[in-house]
Structures are given as structure tokens and as C-alpha cells.
Amino acid sequence: MTQVNWFEIPAQDVGRAVEFYGTVLGEPLGEMDGPDGQMHVFMGADGPAGQLAQGEPVAGGVTIYLDCADIDAALGRVEAAGGAVVQTRTSIGPFGFVGQFTDSEGNTVALHTGL
């Protein structure tokens, strides 16, 4: 079973975006320490489910992270399926590993494993 286990919404001004989403959703975003400093997170039933990420919005905007036990194997199949690898398996410290690819339709999708 494949599931979305994380998402990132890019924000040029994270403080402004924190205020916006807190207002729209009617509750403040959570905060936690991340690999690159303080993270502003959307809380799910089981803890953090996504974050506001400092950066310029890109085509497509939101990045979803699909749960994937073997990122290297999955990325190894991307080109043959008509996509392109954007980021090879990369450590995010105690949060596991990620990798990214563009799919056959031009969408950028990320993979995540806690292993």
C-alpha cells in the first residue's frame, strides 16, 4: 500500500505563510527541530504530516513524499518508466532518507523512508 507520508508547501516568507495557514485552518502550526533548523509543521493524527519549506514556489508548488522502503530500487526504475531522477537517495539525518524524480507527466514527486 502506497501512502503520502509527508508534504512540503514552499514559502518565500515562512512567517507570513505560518500566519496565513494558521488563520485559514483555525489553529496554529506546530514547531519542531529539523535537519536545517526550526520547522513549521502541519499536525496530523499521528504527529507532524507536512511543513512549510523556505523557498521559491516552483511549478506544481507542493511536494508530496511517498512512503518507499527501497528508494534506490525505485529510483533505478524511474528512467525506464519514462521519468527522470532529480535527487538520488539523500540522508535527512534522524528522519531517514529521501529521493526525488519527475514522473512521465512532468510532476516532481519525492520518496521517503525512515530506514
Protein backbone atom coordinates (compact mmCIF):
# COMPACT_ATOMS: atom_id res chain seq x y z
CA MET A 1 0.00 0.00 0.00
CA THR A 2 1.41 3.39 -1.01
CA GLN A 3 0.64 6.38 1.13
CA VAL A 4 1.62 10.02 1.33
CA ASN A 5 3.70 10.36 4.47
CA TRP A 6 4.88 13.98 4.14
CA PHE A 7 4.31 17.14 2.11
CA GLU A 8 6.07 20.46 1.76
CA ILE A 9 4.50 23.76 0.79
CA PRO A 10 7.13 26.23 -0.44
CA ALA A 11 7.00 29.73 1.04
CA GLN A 12 9.01 32.83 0.14
CA ASP A 13 8.14 34.30 3.55
CA VAL A 14 7.67 31.48 6.06
CA GLY A 15 6.43 33.82 8.82
CA ARG A 16 3.73 35.20 6.56
CA ALA A 17 2.78 31.65 5.46
CA VAL A 18 2.61 30.45 9.09
CA GLU A 19 0.18 33.25 9.86
CA PHE A 20 -1.84 32.58 6.69
CA TYR A 21 -2.27 28.83 7.27
CA GLY A 22 -2.93 29.30 10.99
CA THR A 23 -5.70 31.76 10.15
CA VAL A 24 -7.19 29.68 7.33
CA LEU A 25 -7.11 26.41 9.26
CA GLY A 26 -8.19 27.99 12.54
CA GLU A 27 -5.27 26.57 14.52
CA PRO A 28 -1.58 27.36 14.80
CA LEU A 29 1.03 25.27 13.04
CA GLY A 30 3.32 23.18 15.22
CA GLU A 31 7.05 23.69 15.56
CA MET A 32 9.84 21.15 15.75
CA ASP A 33 13.58 20.93 15.24
CA GLY A 34 14.53 19.74 11.76
CA PRO A 35 17.76 18.89 9.95
CA ASP A 36 18.11 22.53 8.78
CA GLY A 37 16.70 24.29 11.85
CA GLN A 38 13.22 25.12 13.09
CA MET A 39 10.34 23.62 11.11
CA HIS A 40 6.76 24.89 10.96
CA VAL A 41 4.60 21.81 10.63
CA PHE A 42 1.02 20.79 9.91
CA MET A 43 -0.05 18.32 12.59
CA GLY A 44 -1.77 15.09 11.62
CA ALA A 45 -3.43 12.48 13.81
CA ASP A 46 -0.09 10.74 14.41
CA GLY A 47 2.16 13.80 14.63
CA PRO A 48 3.71 16.10 12.00
CA ALA A 49 2.36 15.42 8.50
CA GLY A 50 3.96 18.21 6.44
CA GLN A 51 5.74 21.53 6.62
CA LEU A 52 6.16 25.00 5.21
CA ALA A 53 9.55 24.99 3.44
CA GLN A 54 11.61 28.12 2.83
CA GLY A 55 11.95 28.62 -0.90
CA GLU A 56 10.52 29.91 -4.11
CA PRO A 57 7.33 28.19 -5.23
CA VAL A 58 8.04 26.09 -8.31
CA ALA A 59 5.77 24.72 -11.00
CA GLY A 60 3.49 22.30 -9.21
CA GLY A 61 4.08 24.00 -5.85
CA VAL A 62 3.52 21.33 -3.23
CA THR A 63 5.89 18.35 -2.98
CA ILE A 64 4.44 15.09 -1.73
CA TYR A 65 6.59 12.35 -0.23
CA LEU A 66 5.50 8.78 -0.85
CA ASP A 67 6.47 6.09 1.63
CA CYS A 68 9.07 3.83 -0.04
CA ALA A 69 11.04 1.06 1.65
CA ASP A 70 13.78 0.89 -1.05
CA ILE A 71 14.46 4.31 -2.56
CA ASP A 72 17.47 3.13 -4.57
CA ALA A 73 15.46 0.38 -6.27
CA ALA A 74 12.54 2.70 -7.01
CA LEU A 75 14.80 5.43 -8.44
CA GLY A 76 16.53 2.77 -10.51
CA ARG A 77 13.25 2.11 -12.31
CA VAL A 78 12.33 5.77 -12.97
CA GLU A 79 14.10 6.34 -16.31
CA ALA A 80 12.89 3.09 -17.88
CA ALA A 81 9.35 4.11 -16.92
CA GLY A 82 9.67 7.48 -18.66
CA GLY A 83 10.74 9.77 -15.82
CA ALA A 84 13.98 11.33 -14.62
CA VAL A 85 15.81 11.17 -11.28
CA VAL A 86 16.10 14.63 -9.71
CA GLN A 87 17.75 13.69 -6.39
CA THR A 88 19.42 10.40 -5.53
CA ARG A 89 18.92 8.83 -2.09
CA THR A 90 19.94 11.52 0.39
CA SER A 91 20.15 11.41 4.19
CA ILE A 92 17.97 13.76 6.20
CA GLY A 93 19.60 12.74 9.47
CA PRO A 94 17.38 11.12 12.09
CA PHE A 95 14.37 11.49 9.77
CA GLY A 96 15.66 8.88 7.29
CA PHE A 97 16.31 9.28 3.57
CA VAL A 98 14.67 10.97 0.59
CA GLY A 99 14.97 10.92 -3.19
CA GLN A 100 13.11 12.79 -5.93
CA PHE A 101 12.09 12.20 -9.51
CA THR A 102 9.94 13.71 -12.23
CA ASP A 103 7.24 11.39 -13.49
CA SER A 104 6.09 10.74 -17.04
CA GLU A 105 3.81 13.80 -16.82
CA GLY A 106 6.46 16.25 -15.53
CA ASN A 107 5.41 16.21 -11.87
CA THR A 108 8.14 16.19 -9.23
CA VAL A 109 7.49 13.54 -6.56
CA ALA A 110 9.64 12.62 -3.58
CA LEU A 111 10.20 9.27 -1.88
CA HIS A 112 10.88 8.85 1.85
CA THR A 113 12.00 6.04 4.10
CA GLY A 114 12.77 6.15 7.79
CA LEU A 115 15.39 3.41 7.33
